[in-house]
Amino acid sequence: MATFLNVSSVTNAMRGQRLLESNGIRAIVSRALEPDGTNGCGYSIRVENRDVDRAEKLIQSIGIPIRGKRAEAGEV
């Protein structure tokens, strides 16, 4: 199970991904998706649910605001 952390740009997403991976958290960058499946604004960093709290703190510690988060599609 995973969560998508939304950020404002591909640059911030890549910076966040590098930071997370250097801290042992697997992270995947993708275009942000709206709940209806269409592309939204910005990019997302996908992390496992067990890493969400730590990932949020790390990303915010380097000045990247998290614009929102959502559970991976298909999860209950």
PDB file of N, CA and C in Angstrom:
ATOM      1  N   MET A   1       0.845  -1.176   0.000  1.00  0.00           N
ATOM      2  CA  MET A   1       0.000   0.000   0.000  1.00  0.00           C
ATOM      3  C   MET A   1       0.888   1.237   0.000  1.00  0.00           C
ATOM      4  N   ALA A   2       0.441   2.247  -0.726  1.00  0.00           N
ATOM      5  CA  ALA A   2       1.279   3.429  -0.891  1.00  0.00           C
ATOM      6  C   ALA A   2       0.447   4.701  -0.835  1.00  0.00           C
ATOM      7  N   THR A   3       1.163   5.806  -0.665  1.00  0.00           N
ATOM      8  CA  THR A   3       0.563   7.134  -0.644  1.00  0.00           C
ATOM      9  C   THR A   3       1.336   8.013  -1.603  1.00  0.00           C
ATOM     10  N   PHE A   4       0.618   8.917  -2.283  1.00  0.00           N
ATOM     11  CA  PHE A   4       1.227   9.891  -3.176  1.00  0.00           C
ATOM     12  C   PHE A   4       1.284  11.235  -2.465  1.00  0.00           C
ATOM     13  N   LEU A   5       2.475  11.815  -2.380  1.00  0.00           N
ATOM     14  CA  LEU A   5       2.672  13.142  -1.814  1.00  0.00           C
ATOM     15  C   LEU A   5       2.792  14.115  -2.977  1.00  0.00           C
ATOM     16  N   ASN A   6       1.884  15.074  -3.060  1.00  0.00           N
ATOM     17  CA  ASN A   6       1.863  16.007  -4.180  1.00  0.00           C
ATOM     18  C   ASN A   6       2.762  17.208  -3.913  1.00  0.00           C
ATOM     19  N   VAL A   7       3.575  17.540  -4.911  1.00  0.00           N
ATOM     20  CA  VAL A   7       4.444  18.709  -4.862  1.00  0.00           C
ATOM     21  C   VAL A   7       4.207  19.526  -6.127  1.00  0.00           C
ATOM     22  N   SER A   8       4.744  20.753  -6.149  1.00  0.00           N
ATOM     23  CA  SER A   8       4.371  21.696  -7.198  1.00  0.00           C
ATOM     24  C   SER A   8       5.094  21.535  -8.528  1.00  0.00           C
ATOM     25  N   SER A   9       6.246  20.885  -8.545  1.00  0.00           N
ATOM     26  CA  SER A   9       7.006  20.838  -9.799  1.00  0.00           C
ATOM     27  C   SER A   9       7.805  19.551  -9.917  1.00  0.00           C
ATOM     28  N   VAL A  10       8.244  19.271 -11.131  1.00  0.00           N
ATOM     29  CA  VAL A  10       9.080  18.093 -11.348  1.00  0.00           C
ATOM     30  C   VAL A  10      10.420  18.274 -10.640  1.00  0.00           C
ATOM     31  N   THR A  11      10.915  19.507 -10.580  1.00  0.00           N
ATOM     32  CA  THR A  11      12.177  19.768  -9.885  1.00  0.00           C
ATOM     33  C   THR A  11      12.070  19.403  -8.414  1.00  0.00           C
ATOM     34  N   ASN A  12      10.990  19.846  -7.755  1.00  0.00           N
ATOM     35  CA  ASN A  12      10.796  19.512  -6.349  1.00  0.00           C
ATOM     36  C   ASN A  12      10.586  18.011  -6.157  1.00  0.00           C
ATOM     37  N   ALA A  13       9.896  17.393  -7.075  1.00  0.00           N
ATOM     38  CA  ALA A  13       9.672  15.950  -6.979  1.00  0.00           C
ATOM     39  C   ALA A  13      11.000  15.194  -7.069  1.00  0.00           C
ATOM     40  N   MET A  14      11.859  15.590  -7.983  1.00  0.00           N
ATOM     41  CA  MET A  14      13.156  14.926  -8.145  1.00  0.00           C
ATOM     42  C   MET A  14      14.055  15.183  -6.938  1.00  0.00           C
ATOM     43  N   ARG A  15      14.044  16.410  -6.425  1.00  0.00           N
ATOM     44  CA  ARG A  15      14.830  16.711  -5.220  1.00  0.00           C
ATOM     45  C   ARG A  15      14.341  15.858  -4.053  1.00  0.00           C
ATOM     46  N   GLY A  16      13.016  15.776  -3.903  1.00  0.00           N
ATOM     47  CA  GLY A  16      12.436  14.973  -2.830  1.00  0.00           C
ATOM     48  C   GLY A  16      12.777  13.504  -2.981  1.00  0.00           C
ATOM     49  N   GLN A  17      12.697  12.991  -4.187  1.00  0.00           N
ATOM     50  CA  GLN A  17      13.021  11.588  -4.440  1.00  0.00           C
ATOM     51  C   GLN A  17      14.463  11.288  -4.052  1.00  0.00           C
ATOM     52  N   ARG A  18      15.396  12.129  -4.480  1.00  0.00           N
ATOM     53  CA  ARG A  18      16.806  11.913  -4.142  1.00  0.00           C
ATOM     54  C   ARG A  18      17.024  11.916  -2.629  1.00  0.00           C
ATOM     55  N   LEU A  19      16.388  12.870  -1.943  1.00  0.00           N
ATOM     56  CA  LEU A  19      16.509  12.957  -0.487  1.00  0.00           C
ATOM     57  C   LEU A  19      15.967  11.706   0.188  1.00  0.00           C
ATOM     58  N   LEU A  20      14.778  11.285  -0.219  1.00  0.00           N
ATOM     59  CA  LEU A  20      14.166  10.114   0.398  1.00  0.00           C
ATOM     60  C   LEU A  20      15.008   8.869   0.161  1.00  0.00           C
ATOM     61  N   GLU A  21      15.451   8.675  -1.059  1.00  0.00           N
ATOM     62  CA  GLU A  21      16.231   7.484  -1.363  1.00  0.00           C
ATOM     63  C   GLU A  21      17.572   7.488  -0.642  1.00  0.00           C
ATOM     64  N   SER A  22      18.156   8.663  -0.434  1.00  0.00           N
ATOM     65  CA  SER A  22      19.418   8.722   0.318  1.00  0.00           C
ATOM     66  C   SER A  22      19.191   8.432   1.800  1.00  0.00           C
ATOM     67  N   ASN A  23      17.921   8.469   2.233  1.00  0.00           N
ATOM     68  CA  ASN A  23      17.560   8.146   3.606  1.00  0.00           C
ATOM     69  C   ASN A  23      16.864   6.790   3.715  1.00  0.00           C
ATOM     70  N   GLY A  24      17.001   5.969   2.689  1.00  0.00           N
ATOM     71  CA  GLY A  24      16.496   4.606   2.736  1.00  0.00           C
ATOM     72  C   GLY A  24      15.014   4.437   2.476  1.00  0.00           C
ATOM     73  N   ILE A  25      14.372   5.452   1.885  1.00  0.00           N
ATOM     74  CA  ILE A  25      12.944   5.373   1.583  1.00  0.00           C
ATOM     75  C   ILE A  25      12.782   5.264   0.069  1.00  0.00           C
ATOM     76  N   ARG A  26      12.143   4.216  -0.389  1.00  0.00           N
ATOM     77  CA  ARG A  26      11.899   4.046  -1.826  1.00  0.00           C
ATOM     78  C   ARG A  26      10.869   5.076  -2.269  1.00  0.00           C
ATOM     79  N   ALA A  27      11.179   5.809  -3.336  1.00  0.00           N
ATOM     80  CA  ALA A  27      10.306   6.874  -3.821  1.00  0.00           C
ATOM     81  C   ALA A  27      10.241   6.846  -5.341  1.00  0.00           C
ATOM     82  N   ILE A  28       9.040   7.042  -5.874  1.00  0.00           N
ATOM     83  CA  ILE A  28       8.824   7.045  -7.322  1.00  0.00           C
ATOM     84  C   ILE A  28       8.108   8.335  -7.699  1.00  0.00           C
ATOM     85  N   VAL A  29       8.622   9.049  -8.695  1.00  0.00           N
ATOM     86  CA  VAL A  29       8.036  10.306  -9.155  1.00  0.00           C
ATOM     87  C   VAL A  29       7.081  10.030 -10.316  1.00  0.00           C
ATOM     88  N   SER A  30       5.927  10.710 -10.298  1.00  0.00           N
ATOM     89  CA  SER A  30       4.971  10.610 -11.404  1.00  0.00           C
ATOM     90  C   SER A  30       4.166  11.897 -11.488  1.00  0.00           C
ATOM     91  N   ARG A  31       3.466  12.082 -12.600  1.00  0.00           N
ATOM     92  CA  ARG A  31       2.545  13.213 -12.715  1.00  0.00           C
ATOM     93  C   ARG A  31       1.447  13.016 -11.693  1.00  0.00           C
ATOM     94  N   ALA A  32       1.008  14.103 -11.091  1.00  0.00           N
ATOM     95  CA  ALA A  32      -0.103  14.025 -10.138  1.00  0.00           C
ATOM     96  C   ALA A  32      -1.378  13.684 -10.897  1.00  0.00           C
ATOM     97  N   LEU A  33      -2.205  12.862 -10.290  1.00  0.00           N
ATOM     98  CA  LEU A  33      -3.482  12.492 -10.887  1.00  0.00           C
ATOM     99  C   LEU A  33      -4.625  12.956  -9.999  1.00  0.00           C
ATOM    100  N   GLU A  34      -5.677  13.413 -10.631  1.00  0.00           N
ATOM    101  CA  GLU A  34      -6.896  13.767  -9.907  1.00  0.00           C
ATOM    102  C   GLU A  34      -7.656  12.473  -9.602  1.00  0.00           C
ATOM    103  N   PRO A  35      -8.579  12.511  -8.635  1.00  0.00           N
ATOM    104  CA  PRO A  35      -9.343  11.300  -8.305  1.00  0.00           C
ATOM    105  C   PRO A  35     -10.074  10.673  -9.503  1.00  0.00           C
ATOM    106  N   ASP A  36     -10.425  11.499 -10.515  1.00  0.00           N
ATOM    107  CA  ASP A  36     -11.125  10.960 -11.682  1.00  0.00           C
ATOM    108  C   ASP A  36     -10.170  10.355 -12.711  1.00  0.00           C
ATOM    109  N   GLY A  37      -8.858  10.350 -12.394  1.00  0.00           N
ATOM    110  CA  GLY A  37      -7.886   9.729 -13.274  1.00  0.00           C
ATOM    111  C   GLY A  37      -7.232  10.663 -14.272  1.00  0.00           C
ATOM    112  N   THR A  38      -7.623  11.932 -14.288  1.00  0.00           N
ATOM    113  CA  THR A  38      -7.006  12.883 -15.211  1.00  0.00           C
ATOM    114  C   THR A  38      -5.751  13.472 -14.575  1.00  0.00           C
ATOM    115  N   ASN A  39      -4.854  13.994 -15.416  1.00  0.00           N
ATOM    116  CA  ASN A  39      -3.645  14.625 -14.898  1.00  0.00           C
ATOM    117  C   ASN A  39      -4.007  15.923 -14.201  1.00  0.00           C
ATOM    118  N   GLY A  40      -3.450  16.111 -13.040  1.00  0.00           N
ATOM    119  CA  GLY A  40      -3.651  17.341 -12.301  1.00  0.00           C
ATOM    120  C   GLY A  40      -2.426  18.224 -12.428  1.00  0.00           C
ATOM    121  N   CYS A  41      -2.388  19.259 -11.655  1.00  0.00           N
ATOM    122  CA  CYS A  41      -1.219  20.127 -11.628  1.00  0.00           C
ATOM    123  C   CYS A  41      -0.154  19.499 -10.757  1.00  0.00           C
ATOM    124  N   GLY A  42       1.073  19.654 -11.140  1.00  0.00           N
ATOM    125  CA  GLY A  42       2.163  19.211 -10.306  1.00  0.00           C
ATOM    126  C   GLY A  42       2.536  17.752 -10.485  1.00  0.00           C
ATOM    127  N   TYR A  43       3.353  17.305  -9.549  1.00  0.00           N
ATOM    128  CA  TYR A  43       3.899  15.955  -9.565  1.00  0.00           C
ATOM    129  C   TYR A  43       3.710  15.301  -8.214  1.00  0.00           C
ATOM    130  N   SER A  44       3.819  13.994  -8.192  1.00  0.00           N
ATOM    131  CA  SER A  44       3.662  13.226  -6.960  1.00  0.00           C
ATOM    132  C   SER A  44       4.903  12.385  -6.708  1.00  0.00           C
ATOM    133  N   ILE A  45       5.135  12.151  -5.425  1.00  0.00           N
ATOM    134  CA  ILE A  45       6.176  11.224  -4.997  1.00  0.00           C
ATOM    135  C   ILE A  45       5.460  10.083  -4.281  1.00  0.00           C
ATOM    136  N   ARG A  46       5.596   8.879  -4.827  1.00  0.00           N
ATOM    137  CA  ARG A  46       4.924   7.706  -4.254  1.00  0.00           C
ATOM    138  C   ARG A  46       5.840   7.055  -3.229  1.00  0.00           C
ATOM    139  N   VAL A  47       5.320   6.877  -2.018  1.00  0.00           N
ATOM    140  CA  VAL A  47       6.068   6.195  -0.956  1.00  0.00           C
ATOM    141  C   VAL A  47       5.169   5.166  -0.296  1.00  0.00           C
ATOM    142  N   GLU A  48       5.770   4.159   0.286  1.00  0.00           N
ATOM    143  CA  GLU A  48       5.008   3.150   1.018  1.00  0.00           C
ATOM    144  C   GLU A  48       4.367   3.795   2.247  1.00  0.00           C
ATOM    145  N   ASN A  49       3.186   3.310   2.612  1.00  0.00           N
ATOM    146  CA  ASN A  49       2.458   3.890   3.742  1.00  0.00           C
ATOM    147  C   ASN A  49       3.287   3.918   5.026  1.00  0.00           C
ATOM    148  N   ARG A  50       4.092   2.902   5.244  1.00  0.00           N
ATOM    149  CA  ARG A  50       4.887   2.858   6.478  1.00  0.00           C
ATOM    150  C   ARG A  50       5.905   3.997   6.550  1.00  0.00           C
ATOM    151  N   ASP A  51       6.235   4.620   5.401  1.00  0.00           N
ATOM    152  CA  ASP A  51       7.242   5.681   5.338  1.00  0.00           C
ATOM    153  C   ASP A  51       6.660   7.085   5.210  1.00  0.00           C
ATOM    154  N   VAL A  52       5.341   7.214   5.157  1.00  0.00           N
ATOM    155  CA  VAL A  52       4.719   8.504   4.844  1.00  0.00           C
ATOM    156  C   VAL A  52       5.117   9.601   5.823  1.00  0.00           C
ATOM    157  N   ASP A  53       4.971   9.371   7.119  1.00  0.00           N
ATOM    158  CA  ASP A  53       5.255  10.427   8.095  1.00  0.00           C
ATOM    159  C   ASP A  53       6.703  10.893   8.008  1.00  0.00           C
ATOM    160  N   ARG A  54       7.614   9.942   7.951  1.00  0.00           N
ATOM    161  CA  ARG A  54       9.036  10.291   7.853  1.00  0.00           C
ATOM    162  C   ARG A  54       9.344  11.003   6.542  1.00  0.00           C
ATOM    163  N   ALA A  55       8.743  10.537   5.444  1.00  0.00           N
ATOM    164  CA  ALA A  55       8.963  11.151   4.135  1.00  0.00           C
ATOM    165  C   ALA A  55       8.476  12.598   4.123  1.00  0.00           C
ATOM    166  N   GLU A  56       7.298  12.843   4.678  1.00  0.00           N
ATOM    167  CA  GLU A  56       6.773  14.211   4.738  1.00  0.00           C
ATOM    168  C   GLU A  56       7.728  15.132   5.490  1.00  0.00           C
ATOM    169  N   LYS A  57       8.200  14.691   6.639  1.00  0.00           N
ATOM    170  CA  LYS A  57       9.108  15.517   7.449  1.00  0.00           C
ATOM    171  C   LYS A  57      10.405  15.800   6.704  1.00  0.00           C
ATOM    172  N   LEU A  58      10.962  14.784   6.061  1.00  0.00           N
ATOM    173  CA  LEU A  58      12.204  14.985   5.316  1.00  0.00           C
ATOM    174  C   LEU A  58      12.015  15.969   4.166  1.00  0.00           C
ATOM    175  N   ILE A  59      10.958  15.790   3.405  1.00  0.00           N
ATOM    176  CA  ILE A  59      10.709  16.669   2.257  1.00  0.00           C
ATOM    177  C   ILE A  59      10.512  18.109   2.721  1.00  0.00           C
ATOM    178  N   GLN A  60       9.724  18.289   3.752  1.00  0.00           N
ATOM    179  CA  GLN A  60       9.478  19.642   4.259  1.00  0.00           C
ATOM    180  C   GLN A  60      10.731  20.254   4.866  1.00  0.00           C
ATOM    181  N   SER A  61      11.646  19.420   5.370  1.00  0.00           N
ATOM    182  CA  SER A  61      12.871  19.932   5.992  1.00  0.00           C
ATOM    183  C   SER A  61      13.788  20.640   4.996  1.00  0.00           C
ATOM    184  N   ILE A  62      13.624  20.372   3.700  1.00  0.00           N
ATOM    185  CA  ILE A  62      14.434  21.067   2.697  1.00  0.00           C
ATOM    186  C   ILE A  62      13.619  22.121   1.954  1.00  0.00           C
ATOM    187  N   GLY A  63      12.488  22.495   2.537  1.00  0.00           N
ATOM    188  CA  GLY A  63      11.707  23.611   2.004  1.00  0.00           C
ATOM    189  C   GLY A  63      10.746  23.283   0.884  1.00  0.00           C
ATOM    190  N   ILE A  64      10.444  22.018   0.682  1.00  0.00           N
ATOM    191  CA  ILE A  64       9.483  21.640  -0.354  1.00  0.00           C
ATOM    192  C   ILE A  64       8.113  21.485   0.307  1.00  0.00           C
ATOM    193  N   PRO A  65       7.145  22.340  -0.066  1.00  0.00           N
ATOM    194  CA  PRO A  65       5.810  22.184   0.507  1.00  0.00           C
ATOM    195  C   PRO A  65       5.060  21.005  -0.113  1.00  0.00           C
ATOM    196  N   ILE A  66       4.354  20.275   0.724  1.00  0.00           N
ATOM    197  CA  ILE A  66       3.518  19.180   0.240  1.00  0.00           C
ATOM    198  C   ILE A  66       2.118  19.749   0.046  1.00  0.00           C
ATOM    199  N   ARG A  67       1.634  19.692  -1.191  1.00  0.00           N
ATOM    200  CA  ARG A  67       0.361  20.311  -1.545  1.00  0.00           C
ATOM    201  C   ARG A  67      -0.839  19.432  -1.247  1.00  0.00           C
ATOM    202  N   GLY A  68      -0.590  18.194  -0.932  1.00  0.00           N
ATOM    203  CA  GLY A  68      -1.665  17.266  -0.624  1.00  0.00           C
ATOM    204  C   GLY A  68      -1.145  15.850  -0.684  1.00  0.00           C
ATOM    205  N   LYS A  69      -1.968  14.919  -0.262  1.00  0.00           N
ATOM    206  CA  LYS A  69      -1.594  13.508  -0.350  1.00  0.00           C
ATOM    207  C   LYS A  69      -2.842  12.695  -0.552  1.00  0.00           C
ATOM    208  N   ARG A  70      -2.651  11.530  -1.176  1.00  0.00           N
ATOM    209  CA  ARG A  70      -3.787  10.640  -1.410  1.00  0.00           C
ATOM    210  C   ARG A  70      -3.301   9.209  -1.437  1.00  0.00           C
ATOM    211  N   ALA A  71      -4.198   8.321  -1.059  1.00  0.00           N
ATOM    212  CA  ALA A  71      -3.904   6.891  -1.089  1.00  0.00           C
ATOM    213  C   ALA A  71      -3.843   6.428  -2.540  1.00  0.00           C
ATOM    214  N   GLU A  72      -3.081   5.389  -2.767  1.00  0.00           N
ATOM    215  CA  GLU A  72      -2.981   4.814  -4.100  1.00  0.00           C
ATOM    216  C   GLU A  72      -4.356   4.318  -4.542  1.00  0.00           C
ATOM    217  N   ALA A  73      -4.689   4.519  -5.795  1.00  0.00           N
ATOM    218  CA  ALA A  73      -5.990   4.095  -6.342  1.00  0.00           C
ATOM    219  C   ALA A  73      -6.202   2.608  -6.103  1.00  0.00           C
ATOM    220  N   GLY A  74      -7.426   2.247  -5.761  1.00  0.00           N
ATOM    221  CA  GLY A  74      -7.749   0.863  -5.538  1.00  0.00           C
ATOM    222  C   GLY A  74      -7.643   0.442  -4.091  1.00  0.00           C
ATOM    223  N   GLU A  75      -7.073   1.304  -3.240  1.00  0.00           N
ATOM    224  CA  GLU A  75      -6.975   0.974  -1.826  1.00  0.00           C
ATOM    225  C   GLU A  75      -8.251   1.362  -1.111  1.00  0.00           C
ATOM    226  N   VAL A  76      -8.581   0.619  -0.093  1.00  0.00           N
ATOM    227  CA  VAL A  76      -9.788   0.913   0.685  1.00  0.00           C
ATOM    228  C   VAL A  76      -9.390   1.578   1.981  1.00  0.00           C
TER     229      VAL A  76
END
